[in-house]
Protein backbone atom coordinates (compact mmCIF):
# COMPACT_ATOMS: atom_id res chain seq x y z
CA UNK A 1 -22.26 -3.91 43.23
CA UNK A 2 -18.93 -5.64 43.50
CA UNK A 3 -19.82 -7.95 40.62
CA UNK A 4 -20.66 -5.00 38.41
CA UNK A 5 -17.42 -3.26 39.30
CA UNK A 6 -15.46 -6.39 38.55
CA UNK A 7 -17.01 -6.65 35.13
CA UNK A 8 -16.24 -3.03 34.34
CA UNK A 9 -12.60 -3.53 35.34
CA UNK A 10 -12.12 -6.68 33.28
CA UNK A 11 -10.02 -6.20 30.14
CA UNK A 12 -11.93 -6.91 26.92
CA UNK A 13 -11.00 -10.17 25.22
CA UNK A 14 -9.81 -10.19 21.65
CA UNK A 15 -11.98 -12.28 19.35
CA UNK A 16 -10.70 -15.60 18.07
CA UNK A 17 -10.23 -14.45 14.48
CA UNK A 18 -7.98 -11.55 15.49
CA UNK A 19 -6.00 -13.79 17.84
CA UNK A 20 -5.37 -16.18 14.98
CA UNK A 21 -4.29 -13.33 12.70
CA UNK A 22 -1.92 -11.97 15.34
CA UNK A 23 -0.35 -15.42 15.64
CA UNK A 24 -0.10 -15.67 11.86
CA UNK A 25 1.72 -12.33 11.65
CA UNK A 26 4.35 -13.55 14.13
CA UNK A 27 4.72 -17.09 12.77
CA UNK A 28 7.94 -17.41 10.71
CA UNK A 29 7.47 -21.00 9.53
CA UNK A 30 6.41 -20.01 6.01
CA UNK A 31 9.17 -17.43 5.58
CA UNK A 32 11.32 -19.66 3.35
CA UNK A 33 8.42 -20.19 0.98
CA UNK A 34 7.71 -16.47 1.09
CA UNK A 35 11.34 -15.69 0.22
CA UNK A 36 11.16 -17.91 -2.86
CA UNK A 37 7.85 -16.47 -4.00
CA UNK A 38 8.97 -12.88 -3.37
CA UNK A 39 12.19 -13.38 -5.31
CA UNK A 40 10.32 -14.96 -8.20
CA UNK A 41 7.72 -12.20 -8.31
CA UNK A 42 10.36 -9.49 -8.29
CA UNK A 43 12.18 -11.27 -11.13
CA UNK A 44 9.18 -11.26 -13.45
CA UNK A 45 10.10 -9.29 -16.63
CA UNK A 46 7.24 -6.83 -16.30
CA UNK A 47 9.13 -3.62 -17.16
CA UNK A 48 6.96 -0.51 -17.03
CA UNK A 49 3.90 -2.70 -16.45
CA UNK A 50 5.08 -3.26 -12.89
CA UNK A 51 4.32 0.35 -11.92
CA UNK A 52 0.99 0.09 -13.74
CA UNK A 53 0.14 -3.00 -11.68
CA UNK A 54 1.14 -1.18 -8.50
CA UNK A 55 -1.34 1.54 -9.44
CA UNK A 56 1.07 4.48 -9.60
CA UNK A 57 -1.04 5.93 -12.43
CA UNK A 58 -4.15 5.69 -10.24
CA UNK A 59 -2.66 7.16 -7.08
CA UNK A 60 -3.38 4.07 -5.00
CA UNK A 61 -3.06 0.28 -5.41
CA UNK A 62 -5.02 -1.06 -8.37
CA UNK A 63 -5.49 -4.57 -6.94
CA UNK A 64 -8.55 -3.67 -4.77
CA UNK A 65 -10.21 -2.18 -7.86
CA UNK A 66 -9.50 -5.22 -10.03
CA UNK A 67 -10.91 -7.75 -7.56
CA UNK A 68 -14.35 -6.15 -7.80
CA UNK A 69 -15.00 -8.02 -11.06
CA UNK A 70 -14.45 -11.59 -9.83
CA UNK A 71 -16.11 -10.92 -6.48
CA UNK A 72 -19.10 -9.27 -8.14
CA UNK A 73 -19.59 -11.97 -10.76
CA UNK A 74 -19.22 -14.81 -8.25
CA UNK A 75 -21.67 -13.20 -5.85
CA UNK A 76 -24.11 -12.69 -8.73
CA UNK A 77 -23.70 -16.36 -9.70
CA UNK A 78 -24.57 -17.36 -6.13
CA UNK A 79 -27.75 -15.29 -6.28
CA UNK A 80 -28.78 -17.05 -9.51
CA UNK A 81 -27.98 -20.42 -7.96
CA UNK A 82 -30.41 -19.70 -5.14
CA UNK A 83 -33.26 -19.74 -7.65
CA UNK A 84 -34.95 -23.08 -8.40
CA UNK A 85 -34.21 -24.77 -11.68
CA UNK A 86 -31.19 -24.51 -13.93
CA UNK A 87 -29.17 -21.29 -13.96
CA UNK A 88 -27.03 -21.25 -17.14
CA UNK A 89 -26.16 -17.61 -16.46
CA UNK A 90 -24.41 -18.64 -13.25
CA UNK A 91 -21.85 -20.69 -15.15
CA UNK A 92 -21.12 -17.75 -17.44
CA UNK A 93 -20.63 -15.44 -14.47
CA UNK A 94 -18.30 -17.92 -12.78
CA UNK A 95 -16.21 -18.14 -15.95
CA UNK A 96 -15.98 -14.36 -16.26
CA UNK A 97 -14.89 -14.12 -12.62
CA UNK A 98 -12.19 -16.74 -13.10
CA UNK A 99 -10.84 -14.93 -16.15
CA UNK A 100 -10.77 -11.59 -14.30
CA UNK A 101 -9.10 -13.15 -11.26
CA UNK A 102 -5.82 -13.77 -13.10
CA UNK A 103 -4.77 -10.12 -13.71
CA UNK A 104 -6.10 -9.15 -10.28
CA UNK A 105 -3.93 -11.82 -8.70
CA UNK A 106 -0.88 -10.60 -10.63
CA UNK A 107 -1.42 -7.05 -9.38
CA UNK A 108 -1.81 -8.34 -5.84
CA UNK A 109 1.37 -10.43 -6.10
CA UNK A 110 3.40 -7.46 -7.33
CA UNK A 111 2.22 -5.43 -4.34
CA UNK A 112 2.71 -8.34 -1.93
CA UNK A 113 6.37 -8.77 -2.94
CA UNK A 114 7.16 -5.29 -1.56
CA UNK A 115 5.57 -5.64 1.89
CA UNK A 116 6.90 -6.23 5.40
CA UNK A 117 7.29 -9.88 6.53
CA UNK A 118 4.26 -9.68 8.86
CA UNK A 119 2.12 -8.45 5.99
CA UNK A 120 3.49 -11.07 3.60
CA UNK A 121 2.56 -13.88 6.01
CA UNK A 122 -1.05 -12.75 6.07
CA UNK A 123 -0.92 -12.06 2.33
CA UNK A 124 0.23 -15.60 1.61
CA UNK A 125 -2.82 -17.08 3.35
CA UNK A 126 -4.99 -14.49 1.58
CA UNK A 127 -3.62 -15.73 -1.75
CA UNK A 128 -4.09 -19.40 -0.75
CA UNK A 129 -7.74 -18.77 0.14
CA UNK A 130 -8.35 -17.12 -3.22
CA UNK A 131 -6.49 -19.91 -5.02
CA UNK A 132 -8.70 -22.42 -3.26
CA UNK A 133 -11.71 -20.42 -4.42
CA UNK A 134 -10.50 -20.61 -8.02
CA UNK A 135 -10.12 -24.36 -7.73
CA UNK A 136 -13.58 -24.79 -6.26
CA UNK A 137 -15.13 -22.65 -8.98
CA UNK A 138 -13.27 -24.66 -11.60
CA UNK A 139 -14.74 -27.89 -10.23
CA UNK A 140 -18.13 -26.18 -10.12
CA UNK A 141 -17.93 -25.43 -13.85
CA UNK A 142 -16.90 -29.01 -14.64
CA UNK A 143 -19.78 -30.48 -12.63
CA UNK A 144 -22.26 -28.13 -14.28
CA UNK A 145 -20.97 -29.13 -17.73
CA UNK A 146 -21.49 -32.78 -16.73
CA UNK A 147 -25.11 -32.04 -15.89
CA UNK A 148 -24.57 -32.34 -12.15
CA UNK A 149 -26.04 -28.95 -11.32
CA UNK A 150 -26.67 -29.56 -7.64
CA UNK A 151 -23.06 -30.58 -7.03
CA UNK A 152 -21.89 -27.67 -9.17
CA UNK A 153 -23.88 -25.25 -7.07
CA UNK A 154 -22.44 -26.72 -3.87
CA UNK A 155 -18.91 -26.19 -5.15
CA UNK A 156 -19.87 -22.66 -6.17
CA UNK A 157 -21.06 -21.80 -2.68
CA UNK A 158 -17.89 -23.34 -1.24
CA UNK A 159 -15.88 -21.13 -3.58
CA UNK A 160 -17.77 -18.05 -2.40
CA UNK A 161 -17.00 -19.02 1.21
CA UNK A 162 -13.29 -19.19 0.38
CA UNK A 163 -13.54 -15.82 -1.35
CA UNK A 164 -15.14 -14.39 1.79
CA UNK A 165 -12.25 -15.65 3.91
CA UNK A 166 -9.76 -14.21 1.43
CA UNK A 167 -11.60 -10.90 1.51
CA UNK A 168 -11.47 -10.78 5.30
CA UNK A 169 -7.72 -11.36 5.18
CA UNK A 170 -7.39 -8.68 2.49
CA UNK A 171 -9.25 -6.26 4.72
CA UNK A 172 -6.87 -7.07 7.56
CA UNK A 173 -3.93 -6.36 5.25
CA UNK A 174 -5.35 -3.07 4.04
CA UNK A 175 -6.76 -1.60 7.23
CA UNK A 176 -5.11 -3.19 10.26
CA UNK A 177 -1.67 -3.65 8.66
CA UNK A 178 -1.93 -0.55 6.42
CA UNK A 179 -0.50 -2.23 3.32
CA UNK A 180 -1.13 0.02 0.33
CA UNK A 181 -2.01 2.99 2.52
CA UNK A 182 -0.35 6.39 2.05
CA UNK A 183 2.01 6.60 5.03
CA UNK A 184 2.48 10.37 4.64
CA UNK A 185 -1.20 11.34 4.63
CA UNK A 186 -1.01 12.84 8.13
CA UNK A 187 1.83 15.25 7.34
CA UNK A 188 -0.37 18.21 6.20
CA UNK A 189 -2.48 17.74 9.34
CA UNK A 190 0.48 17.76 11.72
CA UNK A 191 2.92 20.34 10.34
CA UNK A 192 1.92 23.87 11.27
CA UNK A 193 1.88 26.72 8.77
CA UNK A 194 4.82 29.08 8.51
CA UNK A 195 8.56 28.76 8.15
CA UNK A 196 10.57 26.37 10.31
CA UNK A 197 14.34 26.64 10.78
CA UNK A 198 16.05 23.27 10.30
CA UNK A 199 19.73 24.18 10.60
CA UNK A 200 22.63 26.16 9.15
CA UNK A 201 23.42 25.69 5.48
CA UNK A 202 26.78 24.11 6.33
CA UNK A 203 24.94 21.31 8.16
CA UNK A 204 23.71 19.95 4.83
CA UNK A 205 26.57 18.44 2.79
CA UNK A 206 26.06 18.75 -0.93
CA UNK A 207 24.25 15.80 -2.47
CA UNK A 208 23.74 13.96 0.80
CA UNK A 209 20.29 13.36 2.35
CA UNK A 210 19.93 14.74 5.87
CA UNK A 211 17.11 14.06 8.29
CA UNK A 212 15.60 16.90 10.30
CA UNK A 213 12.35 17.29 12.25
CA UNK A 214 9.51 19.80 11.95
CA UNK A 215 6.70 19.56 14.51
CA UNK A 216 7.94 16.03 15.27
CA UNK A 217 7.55 15.11 11.59
CA UNK A 218 10.77 13.76 9.99
CA UNK A 219 11.88 15.91 7.03
CA UNK A 220 14.45 15.05 4.36
CA UNK A 221 16.71 17.95 3.35
CA UNK A 222 19.04 17.77 0.34
CA UNK A 223 21.35 20.55 -0.86
CA UNK A 224 22.46 20.35 -4.49
CA UNK A 225 25.71 21.52 -6.11
CA UNK A 226 24.27 24.87 -7.18
CA UNK A 227 23.11 25.61 -3.64
CA UNK A 228 19.51 24.64 -4.31
CA UNK A 229 17.86 23.13 -1.25
CA UNK A 230 15.01 20.62 -1.42
CA UNK A 231 12.90 19.25 1.41
CA UNK A 232 10.40 16.38 1.46
CA UNK A 233 8.61 14.37 4.12
CA UNK A 234 11.26 11.87 5.16
CA UNK A 235 9.16 8.75 5.67
CA UNK A 236 8.36 7.00 2.38
CA UNK A 237 4.68 7.06 1.44
CA UNK A 238 4.84 3.36 0.57
CA UNK A 239 5.72 1.80 3.93
CA UNK A 240 7.38 4.65 5.87
CA UNK A 241 10.93 3.73 4.82
CA UNK A 242 13.69 6.18 5.90
CA UNK A 243 14.48 8.27 2.81
CA UNK A 244 17.41 9.89 4.64
CA UNK A 245 19.15 6.52 4.37
CA UNK A 246 18.42 6.35 0.64
CA UNK A 247 20.46 7.45 -2.36
CA UNK A 248 20.26 10.76 -4.22
CA UNK A 249 20.78 10.77 -7.98
CA UNK A 250 19.53 12.79 -10.96
CA UNK A 251 17.41 15.06 -8.80
CA UNK A 252 15.63 12.17 -7.11
CA UNK A 253 15.86 10.14 -3.91
CA UNK A 254 15.46 6.37 -3.84
CA UNK A 255 13.94 4.67 -0.79
CA UNK A 256 16.36 2.11 0.71
CA UNK A 257 13.59 -0.35 1.60
CA UNK A 258 11.68 -1.08 -1.61
CA UNK A 259 13.22 1.21 -4.21
CA UNK A 260 10.50 3.82 -4.67
CA UNK A 261 11.91 6.93 -6.38
CA UNK A 262 10.73 10.48 -5.64
CA UNK A 263 11.61 13.73 -7.39
CA UNK A 264 13.24 16.13 -4.96
CA UNK A 265 11.77 19.27 -6.51
CA UNK A 266 8.14 18.36 -5.84
CA UNK A 267 8.00 14.89 -4.26
CA UNK A 268 6.45 13.23 -7.32
CA UNK A 269 6.74 9.44 -7.23
CA UNK A 270 8.45 8.66 -10.52
CA UNK A 271 8.84 4.94 -9.77
CA UNK A 272 6.91 2.51 -7.57
CA UNK A 273 5.97 0.63 -5.57
CA UNK A 274 4.90 3.92 -3.94
CA UNK A 275 1.61 5.13 -5.40
CA UNK A 276 1.47 8.47 -3.55
CA UNK A 277 3.95 11.36 -3.79
CA UNK A 278 5.93 12.73 -0.87
CA UNK A 279 4.68 15.97 0.71
CA UNK A 280 7.10 18.70 -0.41
CA UNK A 281 8.34 21.78 1.42
CA UNK A 282 9.24 25.24 0.14
CA UNK A 283 12.73 26.27 1.23
CA UNK A 284 14.62 29.49 1.79
CA UNK A 285 17.91 30.59 3.34
CA UNK A 286 17.79 33.28 6.04
CA UNK A 287 20.95 34.50 7.79
CA UNK A 288 22.82 31.38 6.74
CA UNK A 289 20.10 29.02 7.99
CA UNK A 290 17.75 26.83 5.98
CA UNK A 291 14.06 27.26 6.64
CA UNK A 292 11.26 25.09 5.28
CA UNK A 293 7.51 25.51 4.91
CA UNK A 294 5.05 22.80 3.96
CA UNK A 295 3.89 23.34 0.40
CA UNK A 296 0.10 23.44 0.39
CA UNK A 297 -2.20 23.45 -2.62
CA UNK A 298 -3.61 26.86 -3.50
CA UNK A 299 -1.28 28.77 -1.18
CA UNK A 300 -1.49 32.50 -1.81
CA UNK A 301 -0.59 34.24 1.42
CA UNK A 302 1.84 36.77 -0.01
CA UNK A 303 4.82 35.20 1.73
CA UNK A 304 7.88 34.53 -0.42
CA UNK A 305 8.47 30.91 -1.28
CA UNK A 306 11.63 29.84 -3.05
CA UNK A 307 10.27 26.35 -3.81
CA UNK A 308 13.70 24.86 -3.49
CA UNK A 309 15.55 27.72 -5.15
CA UNK A 310 17.89 28.21 -2.25
CA UNK A 311 17.48 31.98 -2.55
CA UNK A 312 18.80 34.31 0.14
CA UNK A 313 16.56 36.40 2.38
CA UNK A 314 17.37 38.64 5.24
């Protein structure tokens, strides 16, 4: 009885892989290399293609979509290699995967350059594992061309193992570290319906971002020269950066962390790396106070909504 109770009271142990990843996230030894790589990636003359590589047009990062081609072709090549005899189709699939890996890697690098240091440390090892996979597959193709099919297959399976490790690290980045996730997704589930008073009009200096709270959700409020009031979720959808510390210009707010730009009137992300817009609030002025209401799709409840017009109501 006592033994059973002791087992129930014992804290569960974290598995070895997660312990290693936790240590990797905290280990700063590669930070100098990361700084150089990040600076170089940000300096690439990509222009408008940078936002396309981030996946702003898709509404979420495009890198996970692009890696399906190399992973799929390499896995298919492994299946063919399991069959007895020569598998010329396997070499073709490996080549297609290697060609598709280049643009996928570029998209991943562009995203990686705009992450937190802990995420970049894991991302660097993720990239190294995939680079190792490319090298192994390259050797596999050479050995196959030399007629050494058995050795070529062995290198191919080694490459798939490296890809599996890289994929596990990518999953850690995406799900445990929430890189690429929409950091404002919970806002519509937390903010209650109806109007919420956020302060007197005079508390919002013209053209300056001000942070307020609605149902414990940070809200950005900006009053323009004409008296128009805009309100957005204050935490950036990219990595939860504080928009209230950002800059307001040309009807938009720029995140101070990674430079994402959002339109104040409706929260649209007009520039990445953010791939999701900011939740927007309707605003109105009642008895000299600003009130906000979360703007929901398909709202038709008969209640007046100024949608940032700054109109007066009594």
